Amino acid sequence: MKIYTKTGDKGTTALFGGTRVPKDHLRIESYGTVDELNSYIGLIRDQNIDDLSKKTLIDIQDKLFTVGAMLATPPEKETLKNGKERLNIPKVNDEAIQFLETEMDRMNDLLPQMTHFILPGGHQTVSFCHIARCVCRRAERLSVTLSHEDEVNSNVLMYLNRLSDYLFVLARKLSKDLQADEVKWIPTKL
């Protein structure tokens, strides 16, 4: 299989189902940002972190491929003429969202109560979590904007929302594991 097809040389690309759109189309920006997020999560997974977090991150990466596929499929192309689903993969569902919530609750039970906002940083691995969290929020914003123009599965929006929260809690957990300082944001007077 060749990686290059030359079909995008004039600034267009195909969505799942064959519709061609400009490469800067909002749908492309949405799932492209999810792909960027997936790469940052891979970077976190490559760090010296606990096995359970690595396993959870692999699950998240799998779900992000699904989210990307869901975003890459325009609503009018979701089913074939015979009525079967074109995207023949398990969709991101309530169970995937609940999994993130359960993982956050599990980690939060081990952390000190948060009393202030926390400045990103303290350790390179923690910083990667905060970068991923910000990219996740951007993916969520783009997907919400897309939902104003075209249908977007509500589970995609909920999953991205929970995932950004998960990445914040993971950053706190890894701060604790790595014995990194959490610097509280205390506004200074001008």
N, C-alpha and C. Protein backbone atom coordinates (compact mmCIF):
# COMPACT_ATOMS: atom_id res chain seq x y z
N MET A 1 0.84 -1.18 0.00
CA MET A 1 0.00 0.00 0.00
C MET A 1 0.88 1.24 0.00
N LYS A 2 0.69 2.11 -0.95
CA LYS A 2 1.45 3.35 -0.99
C LYS A 2 0.87 4.35 0.00
N ILE A 3 1.77 5.09 0.64
CA ILE A 3 1.34 6.12 1.57
C ILE A 3 0.87 7.36 0.81
N TYR A 4 1.54 7.70 -0.25
CA TYR A 4 1.15 8.89 -1.00
C TYR A 4 0.23 8.50 -2.15
N THR A 5 -0.79 9.31 -2.34
CA THR A 5 -1.78 9.04 -3.39
C THR A 5 -1.81 10.16 -4.44
N LYS A 6 -1.30 11.31 -4.09
CA LYS A 6 -1.29 12.52 -4.93
C LYS A 6 -2.68 13.11 -5.13
N THR A 7 -3.71 12.52 -4.49
CA THR A 7 -5.07 13.04 -4.68
C THR A 7 -5.31 14.32 -3.89
N GLY A 8 -4.42 14.62 -2.94
CA GLY A 8 -4.59 15.82 -2.14
C GLY A 8 -3.69 16.96 -2.56
N ASP A 9 -3.03 16.82 -3.68
CA ASP A 9 -2.05 17.82 -4.12
C ASP A 9 -2.66 19.19 -4.42
N LYS A 10 -3.95 19.24 -4.61
CA LYS A 10 -4.60 20.52 -4.91
C LYS A 10 -5.39 21.05 -3.72
N GLY A 11 -5.08 20.54 -2.52
CA GLY A 11 -5.68 21.09 -1.31
C GLY A 11 -7.02 20.51 -0.91
N THR A 12 -7.36 19.35 -1.45
CA THR A 12 -8.60 18.70 -1.02
C THR A 12 -8.27 17.31 -0.48
N THR A 13 -9.22 16.78 0.26
CA THR A 13 -9.09 15.43 0.79
C THR A 13 -10.46 14.79 0.83
N ALA A 14 -10.48 13.47 0.97
CA ALA A 14 -11.77 12.76 0.99
C ALA A 14 -12.16 12.43 2.42
N LEU A 15 -13.42 12.68 2.72
CA LEU A 15 -14.00 12.22 3.98
C LEU A 15 -14.36 10.75 3.83
N PHE A 16 -14.67 10.09 4.95
CA PHE A 16 -15.11 8.71 4.88
C PHE A 16 -16.43 8.68 4.13
N GLY A 17 -16.50 7.91 3.08
CA GLY A 17 -17.68 7.89 2.23
C GLY A 17 -17.42 8.53 0.88
N GLY A 18 -16.25 9.21 0.75
CA GLY A 18 -15.83 9.69 -0.56
C GLY A 18 -16.01 11.16 -0.86
N THR A 19 -16.78 11.89 -0.08
CA THR A 19 -16.98 13.31 -0.33
C THR A 19 -15.65 14.04 -0.21
N ARG A 20 -15.31 14.85 -1.22
CA ARG A 20 -14.07 15.61 -1.19
C ARG A 20 -14.36 17.01 -0.65
N VAL A 21 -13.47 17.47 0.23
CA VAL A 21 -13.60 18.79 0.85
C VAL A 21 -12.22 19.43 0.90
N PRO A 22 -12.16 20.76 1.06
CA PRO A 22 -10.87 21.42 1.24
C PRO A 22 -10.20 20.93 2.52
N LYS A 23 -8.88 20.89 2.52
CA LYS A 23 -8.14 20.38 3.68
C LYS A 23 -8.30 21.26 4.91
N ASP A 24 -8.78 22.48 4.74
CA ASP A 24 -9.01 23.34 5.90
C ASP A 24 -10.49 23.34 6.32
N HIS A 25 -11.27 22.38 5.83
CA HIS A 25 -12.68 22.23 6.20
C HIS A 25 -12.76 21.97 7.71
N LEU A 26 -13.79 22.48 8.35
CA LEU A 26 -13.95 22.34 9.79
C LEU A 26 -13.96 20.88 10.23
N ARG A 27 -14.54 20.02 9.43
CA ARG A 27 -14.55 18.59 9.77
C ARG A 27 -13.12 18.04 9.79
N ILE A 28 -12.29 18.47 8.84
CA ILE A 28 -10.88 18.03 8.79
C ILE A 28 -10.12 18.61 9.98
N GLU A 29 -10.37 19.88 10.29
CA GLU A 29 -9.72 20.50 11.46
C GLU A 29 -10.08 19.75 12.73
N SER A 30 -11.34 19.32 12.84
CA SER A 30 -11.80 18.61 14.04
C SER A 30 -11.07 17.29 14.21
N TYR A 31 -11.11 16.44 13.19
CA TYR A 31 -10.48 15.14 13.39
C TYR A 31 -8.97 15.22 13.27
N GLY A 32 -8.45 16.24 12.60
CA GLY A 32 -7.00 16.45 12.58
C GLY A 32 -6.47 16.82 13.95
N THR A 33 -7.24 17.60 14.69
CA THR A 33 -6.85 17.97 16.05
C THR A 33 -6.95 16.77 16.98
N VAL A 34 -7.92 15.90 16.76
CA VAL A 34 -8.01 14.65 17.53
C VAL A 34 -6.77 13.79 17.25
N ASP A 35 -6.32 13.77 16.00
CA ASP A 35 -5.11 13.03 15.65
C ASP A 35 -3.88 13.63 16.35
N GLU A 36 -3.80 14.96 16.38
CA GLU A 36 -2.71 15.63 17.11
C GLU A 36 -2.75 15.25 18.59
N LEU A 37 -3.93 15.25 19.17
CA LEU A 37 -4.11 14.86 20.56
C LEU A 37 -3.61 13.43 20.78
N ASN A 38 -3.96 12.54 19.86
CA ASN A 38 -3.55 11.15 19.98
C ASN A 38 -2.03 11.03 20.00
N SER A 39 -1.35 11.85 19.21
CA SER A 39 0.11 11.84 19.19
C SER A 39 0.69 12.30 20.52
N TYR A 40 0.10 13.33 21.12
CA TYR A 40 0.57 13.79 22.43
C TYR A 40 0.31 12.74 23.51
N ILE A 41 -0.80 12.03 23.40
CA ILE A 41 -1.06 10.98 24.38
C ILE A 41 -0.03 9.86 24.22
N GLY A 42 0.38 9.59 22.99
CA GLY A 42 1.46 8.63 22.77
C GLY A 42 2.75 9.09 23.43
N LEU A 43 3.00 10.39 23.40
CA LEU A 43 4.19 10.95 24.04
C LEU A 43 4.12 10.75 25.56
N ILE A 44 2.96 10.96 26.15
CA ILE A 44 2.80 10.72 27.59
C ILE A 44 3.04 9.24 27.89
N ARG A 45 2.46 8.38 27.07
CA ARG A 45 2.59 6.94 27.29
C ARG A 45 4.04 6.48 27.19
N ASP A 46 4.85 7.18 26.42
CA ASP A 46 6.27 6.84 26.26
C ASP A 46 7.12 7.25 27.45
N GLN A 47 6.53 7.96 28.40
CA GLN A 47 7.28 8.41 29.58
C GLN A 47 7.37 7.28 30.61
N ASN A 48 8.16 7.51 31.61
CA ASN A 48 8.32 6.54 32.69
C ASN A 48 7.16 6.70 33.67
N ILE A 49 6.03 6.07 33.33
CA ILE A 49 4.83 6.15 34.16
C ILE A 49 4.36 4.73 34.48
N ASP A 50 3.41 4.63 35.40
CA ASP A 50 2.93 3.32 35.85
C ASP A 50 2.20 2.57 34.74
N ASP A 51 2.18 1.26 34.86
CA ASP A 51 1.60 0.40 33.84
C ASP A 51 0.09 0.61 33.65
N LEU A 52 -0.64 0.86 34.75
CA LEU A 52 -2.08 1.08 34.62
C LEU A 52 -2.36 2.33 33.79
N SER A 53 -1.61 3.40 34.04
CA SER A 53 -1.80 4.62 33.24
C SER A 53 -1.47 4.37 31.78
N LYS A 54 -0.41 3.62 31.52
CA LYS A 54 -0.06 3.29 30.13
C LYS A 54 -1.18 2.50 29.45
N LYS A 55 -1.71 1.51 30.18
CA LYS A 55 -2.80 0.70 29.63
C LYS A 55 -4.03 1.57 29.35
N THR A 56 -4.34 2.47 30.27
CA THR A 56 -5.47 3.37 30.08
C THR A 56 -5.25 4.28 28.88
N LEU A 57 -4.04 4.77 28.72
CA LEU A 57 -3.73 5.65 27.60
C LEU A 57 -3.84 4.92 26.27
N ILE A 58 -3.47 3.64 26.23
CA ILE A 58 -3.64 2.86 25.00
C ILE A 58 -5.13 2.75 24.67
N ASP A 59 -5.96 2.50 25.68
CA ASP A 59 -7.41 2.45 25.47
C ASP A 59 -7.92 3.79 24.93
N ILE A 60 -7.43 4.87 25.50
CA ILE A 60 -7.83 6.21 25.05
C ILE A 60 -7.40 6.43 23.61
N GLN A 61 -6.18 6.02 23.26
CA GLN A 61 -5.73 6.19 21.89
C GLN A 61 -6.61 5.42 20.91
N ASP A 62 -7.01 4.23 21.30
CA ASP A 62 -7.93 3.45 20.47
C ASP A 62 -9.24 4.20 20.28
N LYS A 63 -9.77 4.75 21.38
CA LYS A 63 -11.04 5.48 21.29
C LYS A 63 -10.89 6.74 20.44
N LEU A 64 -9.71 7.37 20.50
CA LEU A 64 -9.51 8.58 19.69
C LEU A 64 -9.48 8.26 18.20
N PHE A 65 -8.98 7.08 17.82
CA PHE A 65 -9.09 6.69 16.41
C PHE A 65 -10.56 6.56 16.02
N THR A 66 -11.36 6.01 16.93
CA THR A 66 -12.79 5.90 16.66
C THR A 66 -13.44 7.28 16.57
N VAL A 67 -13.09 8.17 17.50
CA VAL A 67 -13.62 9.54 17.46
C VAL A 67 -13.27 10.19 16.12
N GLY A 68 -12.02 10.02 15.70
CA GLY A 68 -11.59 10.59 14.42
C GLY A 68 -12.41 10.03 13.26
N ALA A 69 -12.64 8.73 13.26
CA ALA A 69 -13.44 8.11 12.20
C ALA A 69 -14.87 8.62 12.23
N MET A 70 -15.41 8.80 13.44
CA MET A 70 -16.78 9.32 13.54
C MET A 70 -16.86 10.75 13.01
N LEU A 71 -15.85 11.56 13.33
CA LEU A 71 -15.83 12.94 12.83
C LEU A 71 -15.58 12.99 11.33
N ALA A 72 -14.87 12.01 10.80
CA ALA A 72 -14.54 11.99 9.37
C ALA A 72 -15.69 11.48 8.50
N THR A 73 -16.77 11.07 9.14
CA THR A 73 -17.91 10.53 8.40
C THR A 73 -19.07 11.52 8.43
N PRO A 74 -19.34 12.18 7.31
CA PRO A 74 -20.48 13.11 7.30
C PRO A 74 -21.79 12.34 7.51
N PRO A 75 -22.75 12.94 8.20
CA PRO A 75 -24.00 12.25 8.52
C PRO A 75 -24.68 11.61 7.31
N GLU A 76 -24.64 12.27 6.18
CA GLU A 76 -25.32 11.73 5.00
C GLU A 76 -24.62 10.50 4.44
N LYS A 77 -23.41 10.22 4.91
CA LYS A 77 -22.66 9.05 4.42
C LYS A 77 -22.55 7.95 5.47
N GLU A 78 -23.25 8.09 6.60
CA GLU A 78 -23.13 7.10 7.67
C GLU A 78 -23.69 5.74 7.30
N THR A 79 -24.69 5.71 6.43
CA THR A 79 -25.26 4.41 6.03
C THR A 79 -25.12 4.23 4.53
N LEU A 80 -25.00 2.96 4.15
CA LEU A 80 -24.93 2.59 2.74
C LEU A 80 -26.35 2.54 2.17
N LYS A 81 -26.45 2.42 0.87
CA LYS A 81 -27.76 2.37 0.24
C LYS A 81 -28.60 1.20 0.73
N ASN A 82 -27.93 0.12 1.15
CA ASN A 82 -28.67 -1.04 1.64
C ASN A 82 -29.07 -0.91 3.11
N GLY A 83 -28.76 0.24 3.72
CA GLY A 83 -29.15 0.51 5.10
C GLY A 83 -28.12 0.12 6.15
N LYS A 84 -27.04 -0.55 5.73
CA LYS A 84 -25.99 -0.93 6.69
C LYS A 84 -25.10 0.27 6.99
N GLU A 85 -24.52 0.24 8.20
CA GLU A 85 -23.61 1.32 8.59
C GLU A 85 -22.33 1.25 7.78
N ARG A 86 -21.92 2.40 7.27
CA ARG A 86 -20.67 2.48 6.51
C ARG A 86 -19.48 2.33 7.45
N LEU A 87 -19.56 2.96 8.59
CA LEU A 87 -18.49 2.92 9.59
C LEU A 87 -18.74 1.72 10.49
N ASN A 88 -18.15 0.60 10.13
CA ASN A 88 -18.43 -0.66 10.78
C ASN A 88 -17.45 -0.93 11.92
N ILE A 89 -17.43 -0.01 12.89
CA ILE A 89 -16.61 -0.16 14.09
C ILE A 89 -17.45 0.23 15.29
N PRO A 90 -17.09 -0.29 16.48
CA PRO A 90 -17.84 0.13 17.68
C PRO A 90 -17.67 1.65 17.88
N LYS A 91 -18.75 2.33 18.12
CA LYS A 91 -18.72 3.78 18.32
C LYS A 91 -18.34 4.11 19.77
N VAL A 92 -17.87 5.32 19.97
CA VAL A 92 -17.63 5.79 21.34
C VAL A 92 -19.00 5.91 21.99
N ASN A 93 -19.14 5.29 23.16
CA ASN A 93 -20.46 5.20 23.79
C ASN A 93 -20.39 5.62 25.26
N ASP A 94 -21.51 5.46 25.94
CA ASP A 94 -21.60 5.82 27.36
C ASP A 94 -20.57 5.06 28.19
N GLU A 95 -20.31 3.82 27.83
CA GLU A 95 -19.34 2.99 28.57
C GLU A 95 -17.93 3.60 28.50
N ALA A 96 -17.55 4.12 27.35
CA ALA A 96 -16.22 4.74 27.20
C ALA A 96 -16.13 6.00 28.05
N ILE A 97 -17.21 6.75 28.12
CA ILE A 97 -17.25 7.97 28.94
C ILE A 97 -17.19 7.60 30.42
N GLN A 98 -17.95 6.58 30.80
CA GLN A 98 -17.96 6.11 32.19
C GLN A 98 -16.58 5.61 32.60
N PHE A 99 -15.87 4.96 31.68
CA PHE A 99 -14.52 4.47 31.97
C PHE A 99 -13.61 5.63 32.38
N LEU A 100 -13.67 6.74 31.65
CA LEU A 100 -12.86 7.91 32.01
C LEU A 100 -13.25 8.45 33.38
N GLU A 101 -14.55 8.51 33.65
CA GLU A 101 -15.02 9.01 34.95
C GLU A 101 -14.53 8.11 36.08
N THR A 102 -14.59 6.80 35.88
CA THR A 102 -14.14 5.85 36.90
C THR A 102 -12.64 6.01 37.15
N GLU A 103 -11.88 6.17 36.09
CA GLU A 103 -10.44 6.35 36.23
C GLU A 103 -10.12 7.66 36.96
N MET A 104 -10.87 8.72 36.65
CA MET A 104 -10.66 9.99 37.36
C MET A 104 -10.98 9.84 38.84
N ASP A 105 -12.08 9.19 39.15
CA ASP A 105 -12.46 8.99 40.55
C ASP A 105 -11.39 8.18 41.28
N ARG A 106 -10.88 7.14 40.64
CA ARG A 106 -9.85 6.30 41.25
C ARG A 106 -8.59 7.13 41.55
N MET A 107 -8.16 7.94 40.61
CA MET A 107 -6.96 8.76 40.82
C MET A 107 -7.21 9.84 41.85
N ASN A 108 -8.39 10.48 41.78
CA ASN A 108 -8.71 11.57 42.72
C ASN A 108 -8.72 11.10 44.16
N ASP A 109 -9.11 9.84 44.37
CA ASP A 109 -9.14 9.30 45.74
C ASP A 109 -7.74 9.26 46.35
N LEU A 110 -6.71 9.28 45.53
CA LEU A 110 -5.32 9.19 46.01
C LEU A 110 -4.64 10.55 46.11
N LEU A 111 -5.35 11.61 45.70
CA LEU A 111 -4.74 12.94 45.61
C LEU A 111 -5.23 13.86 46.71
N PRO A 112 -4.39 14.82 47.09
CA PRO A 112 -4.86 15.83 48.05
C PRO A 112 -5.94 16.69 47.38
N GLN A 113 -6.82 17.22 48.20
CA GLN A 113 -7.88 18.08 47.68
C GLN A 113 -7.26 19.30 47.01
N MET A 114 -7.84 19.69 45.90
CA MET A 114 -7.35 20.85 45.17
C MET A 114 -8.03 22.10 45.73
N THR A 115 -7.24 23.08 46.10
CA THR A 115 -7.78 24.31 46.69
C THR A 115 -7.56 25.52 45.80
N HIS A 116 -6.71 25.41 44.79
CA HIS A 116 -6.39 26.50 43.88
C HIS A 116 -6.21 25.94 42.47
N PHE A 117 -6.25 26.81 41.49
CA PHE A 117 -5.81 26.41 40.17
C PHE A 117 -4.33 26.06 40.27
N ILE A 118 -3.87 25.21 39.36
CA ILE A 118 -2.48 24.76 39.37
C ILE A 118 -1.81 25.21 38.09
N LEU A 119 -0.62 25.77 38.22
CA LEU A 119 0.14 26.17 37.04
C LEU A 119 0.68 24.91 36.36
N PRO A 120 0.52 24.79 35.04
CA PRO A 120 1.08 23.64 34.35
C PRO A 120 2.60 23.59 34.54
N GLY A 121 3.11 22.39 34.70
CA GLY A 121 4.55 22.22 34.82
C GLY A 121 4.92 21.40 36.03
N GLY A 122 6.19 21.48 36.41
CA GLY A 122 6.70 20.75 37.56
C GLY A 122 7.54 19.55 37.17
N HIS A 123 7.24 18.98 36.02
CA HIS A 123 7.98 17.84 35.49
C HIS A 123 7.61 17.73 34.01
N GLN A 124 8.55 17.30 33.20
CA GLN A 124 8.29 17.21 31.75
C GLN A 124 7.07 16.33 31.45
N THR A 125 6.95 15.21 32.11
CA THR A 125 5.82 14.31 31.87
C THR A 125 4.50 14.99 32.21
N VAL A 126 4.47 15.72 33.30
CA VAL A 126 3.27 16.45 33.72
C VAL A 126 2.94 17.52 32.68
N SER A 127 3.97 18.20 32.20
CA SER A 127 3.75 19.23 31.17
C SER A 127 3.15 18.63 29.90
N PHE A 128 3.60 17.43 29.52
CA PHE A 128 3.01 16.76 28.36
C PHE A 128 1.52 16.52 28.57
N CYS A 129 1.13 16.17 29.79
CA CYS A 129 -0.30 15.98 30.10
C CYS A 129 -1.08 17.28 29.91
N HIS A 130 -0.50 18.38 30.36
CA HIS A 130 -1.19 19.67 30.22
C HIS A 130 -1.28 20.10 28.76
N ILE A 131 -0.24 19.83 27.98
CA ILE A 131 -0.31 20.14 26.54
C ILE A 131 -1.42 19.31 25.90
N ALA A 132 -1.45 18.02 26.22
CA ALA A 132 -2.50 17.15 25.67
C ALA A 132 -3.88 17.64 26.09
N ARG A 133 -4.01 18.08 27.33
CA ARG A 133 -5.30 18.60 27.82
C ARG A 133 -5.74 19.80 27.00
N CYS A 134 -4.80 20.69 26.71
CA CYS A 134 -5.14 21.89 25.92
C CYS A 134 -5.51 21.52 24.48
N VAL A 135 -4.79 20.59 23.90
CA VAL A 135 -5.12 20.13 22.54
C VAL A 135 -6.49 19.47 22.55
N CYS A 136 -6.79 18.72 23.61
CA CYS A 136 -8.10 18.08 23.73
C CYS A 136 -9.21 19.13 23.79
N ARG A 137 -8.99 20.19 24.55
CA ARG A 137 -9.99 21.27 24.63
C ARG A 137 -10.18 21.92 23.26
N ARG A 138 -9.09 22.07 22.50
CA ARG A 138 -9.21 22.63 21.14
C ARG A 138 -10.02 21.70 20.25
N ALA A 139 -9.74 20.39 20.34
CA ALA A 139 -10.51 19.41 19.56
C ALA A 139 -11.99 19.48 19.93
N GLU A 140 -12.26 19.64 21.21
CA GLU A 140 -13.64 19.76 21.66
C GLU A 140 -14.29 21.02 21.10
N ARG A 141 -13.57 22.15 21.18
CA ARG A 141 -14.14 23.41 20.66
C ARG A 141 -14.44 23.30 19.16
N LEU A 142 -13.50 22.73 18.41
CA LEU A 142 -13.71 22.58 16.97
C LEU A 142 -14.89 21.66 16.68
N SER A 143 -15.02 20.59 17.46
CA SER A 143 -16.13 19.66 17.26
C SER A 143 -17.47 20.30 17.62
N VAL A 144 -17.48 21.14 18.64
CA VAL A 144 -18.70 21.87 18.99
C VAL A 144 -19.07 22.83 17.86
N THR A 145 -18.08 23.54 17.35
CA THR A 145 -18.34 24.45 16.22
C THR A 145 -18.88 23.66 15.03
N LEU A 146 -18.28 22.52 14.75
CA LEU A 146 -18.78 21.66 13.66
C LEU A 146 -20.22 21.25 13.92
N SER A 147 -20.57 20.98 15.16
CA SER A 147 -21.93 20.54 15.49
C SER A 147 -22.97 21.63 15.22
N HIS A 148 -22.53 22.89 15.14
CA HIS A 148 -23.46 23.98 14.79
C HIS A 148 -23.76 23.98 13.30
N GLU A 149 -22.85 23.38 12.50
CA GLU A 149 -23.01 23.35 11.05
C GLU A 149 -23.52 22.01 10.53
N ASP A 150 -23.19 20.94 11.24
CA ASP A 150 -23.50 19.60 10.77
C ASP A 150 -23.67 18.71 12.00
N GLU A 151 -24.28 17.58 11.82
CA GLU A 151 -24.51 16.68 12.95
C GLU A 151 -23.19 16.07 13.45
N VAL A 152 -23.01 16.07 14.76
CA VAL A 152 -21.88 15.41 15.41
C VAL A 152 -22.48 14.56 16.53
N ASN A 153 -22.06 13.32 16.59
CA ASN A 153 -22.54 12.41 17.64
C ASN A 153 -22.26 13.04 19.00
N SER A 154 -23.27 13.12 19.84
CA SER A 154 -23.12 13.77 21.15
C SER A 154 -22.10 13.06 22.03
N ASN A 155 -21.91 11.75 21.83
CA ASN A 155 -20.91 11.02 22.62
C ASN A 155 -19.49 11.48 22.29
N VAL A 156 -19.27 11.94 21.07
CA VAL A 156 -17.96 12.48 20.70
C VAL A 156 -17.67 13.71 21.55
N LEU A 157 -18.65 14.60 21.65
CA LEU A 157 -18.46 15.82 22.43
C LEU A 157 -18.27 15.50 23.92
N MET A 158 -19.06 14.59 24.44
CA MET A 158 -18.93 14.22 25.86
C MET A 158 -17.58 13.53 26.12
N TYR A 159 -17.16 12.67 25.21
CA TYR A 159 -15.89 11.96 25.40
C TYR A 159 -14.72 12.95 25.43
N LEU A 160 -14.71 13.89 24.51
CA LEU A 160 -13.62 14.88 24.49
C LEU A 160 -13.65 15.74 25.75
N ASN A 161 -14.83 16.07 26.21
CA ASN A 161 -14.95 16.86 27.44
C ASN A 161 -14.39 16.10 28.63
N ARG A 162 -14.78 14.84 28.79
CA ARG A 162 -14.28 14.03 29.90
C ARG A 162 -12.79 13.76 29.76
N LEU A 163 -12.32 13.58 28.53
CA LEU A 163 -10.91 13.27 28.34
C LEU A 163 -10.02 14.43 28.78
N SER A 164 -10.45 15.65 28.51
CA SER A 164 -9.63 16.78 28.97
C SER A 164 -9.58 16.81 30.50
N ASP A 165 -10.69 16.48 31.15
CA ASP A 165 -10.69 16.39 32.61
C ASP A 165 -9.77 15.26 33.08
N TYR A 166 -9.86 14.12 32.40
CA TYR A 166 -9.00 12.98 32.74
C TYR A 166 -7.52 13.38 32.65
N LEU A 167 -7.16 14.09 31.60
CA LEU A 167 -5.75 14.48 31.42
C LEU A 167 -5.29 15.43 32.52
N PHE A 168 -6.19 16.27 33.02
CA PHE A 168 -5.85 17.14 34.13
C PHE A 168 -5.59 16.31 35.39
N VAL A 169 -6.49 15.37 35.67
CA VAL A 169 -6.32 14.54 36.86
C VAL A 169 -5.08 13.66 36.72
N LEU A 170 -4.83 13.15 35.52
CA LEU A 170 -3.62 12.36 35.29
C LEU A 170 -2.37 13.20 35.56
N ALA A 171 -2.39 14.46 35.14
CA ALA A 171 -1.25 15.35 35.41
C ALA A 171 -1.02 15.47 36.92
N ARG A 172 -2.10 15.61 37.67
CA ARG A 172 -1.97 15.70 39.14
C ARG A 172 -1.43 14.39 39.72
N LYS A 173 -1.95 13.27 39.23
CA LYS A 173 -1.50 11.96 39.72
C LYS A 173 -0.01 11.77 39.43
N LEU A 174 0.38 12.12 38.21
CA LEU A 174 1.79 11.95 37.84
C LEU A 174 2.68 12.91 38.61
N SER A 175 2.17 14.10 38.93
CA SER A 175 2.93 15.02 39.79
C SER A 175 3.24 14.35 41.12
N LYS A 176 2.23 13.70 41.67
CA LYS A 176 2.42 13.00 42.94
C LYS A 176 3.40 11.84 42.77
N ASP A 177 3.18 11.02 41.73
CA ASP A 177 4.05 9.86 41.50
C ASP A 177 5.51 10.26 41.30
N LEU A 178 5.71 11.36 40.59
CA LEU A 178 7.06 11.81 40.25
C LEU A 178 7.63 12.77 41.29
N GLN A 179 6.87 13.00 42.35
CA GLN A 179 7.26 13.90 43.43
C GLN A 179 7.60 15.30 42.90
N ALA A 180 6.79 15.73 41.95
CA ALA A 180 6.93 17.08 41.39
C ALA A 180 6.05 18.04 42.17
N ASP A 181 6.50 19.26 42.27
CA ASP A 181 5.72 20.27 42.96
C ASP A 181 4.55 20.71 42.12
N GLU A 182 3.38 20.83 42.76
CA GLU A 182 2.25 21.47 42.12
C GLU A 182 2.27 22.92 42.58
N VAL A 183 2.46 23.81 41.64
CA VAL A 183 2.53 25.23 41.97
C VAL A 183 1.12 25.80 41.87
N LYS A 184 0.62 26.28 42.99
CA LYS A 184 -0.73 26.86 43.03
C LYS A 184 -0.69 28.23 42.38
N TRP A 185 -1.77 28.52 41.65
CA TRP A 185 -1.89 29.85 41.08
C TRP A 185 -2.57 30.73 42.12
N ILE A 186 -1.80 31.68 42.60
CA ILE A 186 -2.33 32.67 43.54
C ILE A 186 -2.11 34.03 42.87
N PRO A 187 -3.19 34.66 42.43
CA PRO A 187 -3.03 35.92 41.69
C PRO A 187 -2.23 36.96 42.48
N THR A 188 -1.33 37.60 41.78
CA THR A 188 -0.52 38.63 42.40
C THR A 188 -1.12 40.00 42.11
N LYS A 189 -0.93 40.91 43.03
CA LYS A 189 -1.43 42.27 42.84
C LYS A 189 -0.49 43.00 41.91
N LEU A 190 -1.06 43.85 41.08
CA LEU A 190 -0.24 44.66 40.17
C LEU A 190 0.34 45.86 40.86
